[in-house]
Amino acid sequence: MFNNALDIIKNFNKKHPYRMIIIILVIASSIGIAIQYSIDGRVIGSGFYTSISIALVSLISKWNKRRKD
């Protein structure tokens, strides 16, 4: 069952690498925001800039890799 789920994720990543980065960004940001809000009761806005910059670097990396192949 677990291997089947991993195969589905791997196939989705091969077909839609850009969507996968956005999905990971949304999930990771949601978890980080929830943890920060539960600890301090506030949301730090500078974290959004960090996550967006990391996503852009990842997207450019994927784009360059696909262009070379």
N, C-alpha and C. Protein backbone atom coordinates (compact mmCIF):
# COMPACT_ATOMS: atom_id res chain seq x y z
N MET A 1 0.83 -1.19 0.00
CA MET A 1 0.00 0.00 0.00
C MET A 1 0.88 1.26 0.00
N PHE A 2 1.89 1.26 0.85
CA PHE A 2 2.77 2.43 0.94
C PHE A 2 3.61 2.58 -0.32
N ASN A 3 4.06 1.46 -0.88
CA ASN A 3 4.85 1.51 -2.12
C ASN A 3 4.01 2.00 -3.28
N ASN A 4 2.73 1.65 -3.29
CA ASN A 4 1.84 2.10 -4.34
C ASN A 4 1.67 3.62 -4.29
N ALA A 5 1.55 4.16 -3.09
CA ALA A 5 1.42 5.61 -2.94
C ALA A 5 2.69 6.32 -3.40
N LEU A 6 3.85 5.76 -3.08
CA LEU A 6 5.10 6.35 -3.53
C LEU A 6 5.24 6.30 -5.05
N ASP A 7 4.77 5.22 -5.66
CA ASP A 7 4.81 5.13 -7.12
C ASP A 7 3.92 6.18 -7.77
N ILE A 8 2.76 6.42 -7.16
CA ILE A 8 1.85 7.44 -7.68
C ILE A 8 2.50 8.82 -7.58
N ILE A 9 3.15 9.10 -6.46
CA ILE A 9 3.81 10.40 -6.27
C ILE A 9 4.97 10.55 -7.26
N LYS A 10 5.75 9.50 -7.45
CA LYS A 10 6.87 9.57 -8.39
C LYS A 10 6.39 9.80 -9.82
N ASN A 11 5.32 9.12 -10.21
CA ASN A 11 4.77 9.31 -11.56
C ASN A 11 4.23 10.72 -11.74
N PHE A 12 3.56 11.24 -10.70
CA PHE A 12 3.04 12.60 -10.77
C PHE A 12 4.17 13.60 -10.88
N ASN A 13 5.27 13.36 -10.16
CA ASN A 13 6.43 14.25 -10.21
C ASN A 13 7.08 14.23 -11.59
N LYS A 14 7.10 13.07 -12.24
CA LYS A 14 7.67 12.99 -13.59
C LYS A 14 6.80 13.73 -14.61
N LYS A 15 5.48 13.61 -14.46
CA LYS A 15 4.58 14.23 -15.42
C LYS A 15 4.41 15.73 -15.17
N HIS A 16 4.38 16.14 -13.90
CA HIS A 16 4.10 17.52 -13.54
C HIS A 16 5.11 18.03 -12.49
N PRO A 17 6.36 18.24 -12.87
CA PRO A 17 7.35 18.64 -11.87
C PRO A 17 7.09 20.02 -11.27
N TYR A 18 6.53 20.94 -12.06
CA TYR A 18 6.28 22.28 -11.56
C TYR A 18 5.13 22.29 -10.55
N ARG A 19 4.11 21.52 -10.83
CA ARG A 19 2.99 21.42 -9.89
C ARG A 19 3.44 20.79 -8.58
N MET A 20 4.35 19.85 -8.66
CA MET A 20 4.83 19.18 -7.45
C MET A 20 5.55 20.17 -6.54
N ILE A 21 6.33 21.06 -7.11
CA ILE A 21 7.02 22.07 -6.30
C ILE A 21 6.01 22.97 -5.61
N ILE A 22 4.98 23.38 -6.33
CA ILE A 22 3.96 24.26 -5.74
C ILE A 22 3.19 23.54 -4.65
N ILE A 23 2.87 22.26 -4.85
CA ILE A 23 2.17 21.49 -3.83
C ILE A 23 3.03 21.36 -2.57
N ILE A 24 4.30 21.05 -2.75
CA ILE A 24 5.21 20.94 -1.60
C ILE A 24 5.32 22.27 -0.88
N LEU A 25 5.39 23.37 -1.63
CA LEU A 25 5.48 24.70 -1.03
C LEU A 25 4.25 25.00 -0.19
N VAL A 26 3.08 24.71 -0.71
CA VAL A 26 1.84 24.99 0.02
C VAL A 26 1.75 24.14 1.28
N ILE A 27 2.08 22.87 1.19
CA ILE A 27 1.99 21.99 2.35
C ILE A 27 3.01 22.39 3.42
N ALA A 28 4.25 22.63 3.01
CA ALA A 28 5.29 23.01 3.96
C ALA A 28 4.99 24.36 4.61
N SER A 29 4.51 25.31 3.84
CA SER A 29 4.18 26.62 4.40
C SER A 29 3.02 26.51 5.38
N SER A 30 2.03 25.71 5.04
CA SER A 30 0.89 25.53 5.95
C SER A 30 1.32 24.92 7.27
N ILE A 31 2.19 23.92 7.21
CA ILE A 31 2.68 23.30 8.44
C ILE A 31 3.49 24.30 9.25
N GLY A 32 4.38 25.04 8.59
CA GLY A 32 5.19 26.03 9.29
C GLY A 32 4.37 27.14 9.91
N ILE A 33 3.37 27.63 9.19
CA ILE A 33 2.50 28.67 9.72
C ILE A 33 1.71 28.15 10.92
N ALA A 34 1.20 26.93 10.82
CA ALA A 34 0.43 26.36 11.93
C ALA A 34 1.29 26.19 13.18
N ILE A 35 2.51 25.73 13.01
CA ILE A 35 3.40 25.56 14.17
C ILE A 35 3.75 26.91 14.78
N GLN A 36 4.10 27.88 13.94
CA GLN A 36 4.46 29.20 14.45
C GLN A 36 3.27 29.85 15.15
N TYR A 37 2.08 29.71 14.59
CA TYR A 37 0.89 30.31 15.19
C TYR A 37 0.54 29.63 16.51
N SER A 38 0.75 28.32 16.61
CA SER A 38 0.45 27.63 17.87
C SER A 38 1.45 27.98 18.96
N ILE A 39 2.68 28.33 18.58
CA ILE A 39 3.70 28.69 19.58
C ILE A 39 3.54 30.13 20.03
N ASP A 40 3.53 31.07 19.07
CA ASP A 40 3.53 32.49 19.39
C ASP A 40 2.18 33.17 19.25
N GLY A 41 1.30 32.60 18.48
CA GLY A 41 0.02 33.24 18.23
C GLY A 41 0.12 34.33 17.17
N ARG A 42 1.16 34.28 16.35
CA ARG A 42 1.32 35.26 15.27
C ARG A 42 1.94 34.58 14.05
N VAL A 43 1.83 35.26 12.93
CA VAL A 43 2.40 34.76 11.69
C VAL A 43 3.51 35.71 11.27
N ILE A 44 4.69 35.17 10.99
CA ILE A 44 5.83 35.98 10.59
C ILE A 44 5.80 36.13 9.07
N GLY A 45 5.69 37.36 8.60
CA GLY A 45 5.55 37.62 7.17
C GLY A 45 6.81 37.36 6.37
N SER A 46 7.96 37.48 6.99
CA SER A 46 9.20 37.28 6.24
C SER A 46 9.39 35.83 5.81
N GLY A 47 8.71 34.92 6.44
CA GLY A 47 8.77 33.52 6.04
C GLY A 47 8.19 33.30 4.65
N PHE A 48 7.22 34.13 4.28
CA PHE A 48 6.65 34.01 2.94
C PHE A 48 7.68 34.33 1.87
N TYR A 49 8.51 35.35 2.12
CA TYR A 49 9.53 35.71 1.14
C TYR A 49 10.56 34.60 0.99
N THR A 50 10.91 33.97 2.10
CA THR A 50 11.87 32.87 2.05
C THR A 50 11.31 31.70 1.26
N SER A 51 10.06 31.34 1.53
CA SER A 51 9.48 30.19 0.83
C SER A 51 9.29 30.49 -0.66
N ILE A 52 8.94 31.71 -1.00
CA ILE A 52 8.79 32.06 -2.41
C ILE A 52 10.13 32.02 -3.13
N SER A 53 11.18 32.52 -2.47
CA SER A 53 12.50 32.49 -3.12
C SER A 53 13.00 31.06 -3.29
N ILE A 54 12.78 30.20 -2.32
CA ILE A 54 13.18 28.80 -2.45
C ILE A 54 12.39 28.12 -3.58
N ALA A 55 11.10 28.44 -3.68
CA ALA A 55 10.29 27.87 -4.75
C ALA A 55 10.77 28.34 -6.12
N LEU A 56 11.13 29.61 -6.23
CA LEU A 56 11.63 30.11 -7.51
C LEU A 56 12.93 29.44 -7.91
N VAL A 57 13.83 29.26 -6.96
CA VAL A 57 15.09 28.57 -7.25
C VAL A 57 14.81 27.13 -7.69
N SER A 58 13.89 26.47 -7.03
CA SER A 58 13.54 25.10 -7.40
C SER A 58 12.91 25.03 -8.79
N LEU A 59 12.03 25.98 -9.09
CA LEU A 59 11.40 26.00 -10.40
C LEU A 59 12.42 26.26 -11.50
N ILE A 60 13.34 27.17 -11.28
CA ILE A 60 14.38 27.45 -12.27
C ILE A 60 15.27 26.23 -12.46
N SER A 61 15.59 25.55 -11.36
CA SER A 61 16.41 24.35 -11.44
C SER A 61 15.72 23.26 -12.25
N LYS A 62 14.44 23.03 -12.00
CA LYS A 62 13.68 22.03 -12.75
C LYS A 62 13.60 22.42 -14.22
N TRP A 63 13.39 23.71 -14.50
CA TRP A 63 13.27 24.17 -15.86
C TRP A 63 14.57 23.95 -16.62
N ASN A 64 15.70 24.27 -15.99
CA ASN A 64 17.00 24.06 -16.64
C ASN A 64 17.28 22.57 -16.86
N LYS A 65 16.90 21.74 -15.91
CA LYS A 65 17.14 20.30 -16.03
C LYS A 65 16.30 19.72 -17.18
N ARG A 66 15.06 20.14 -17.28
CA ARG A 66 14.20 19.62 -18.35
C ARG A 66 14.64 20.14 -19.72
N ARG A 67 15.19 21.35 -19.74
CA ARG A 67 15.64 21.92 -21.00
C ARG A 67 16.87 21.19 -21.53
N LYS A 68 17.74 20.73 -20.62
CA LYS A 68 18.95 20.00 -21.03
C LYS A 68 18.63 18.61 -21.53
N ASP A 69 17.56 18.00 -20.98
CA ASP A 69 17.20 16.61 -21.38
C ASP A 69 16.56 16.55 -22.70
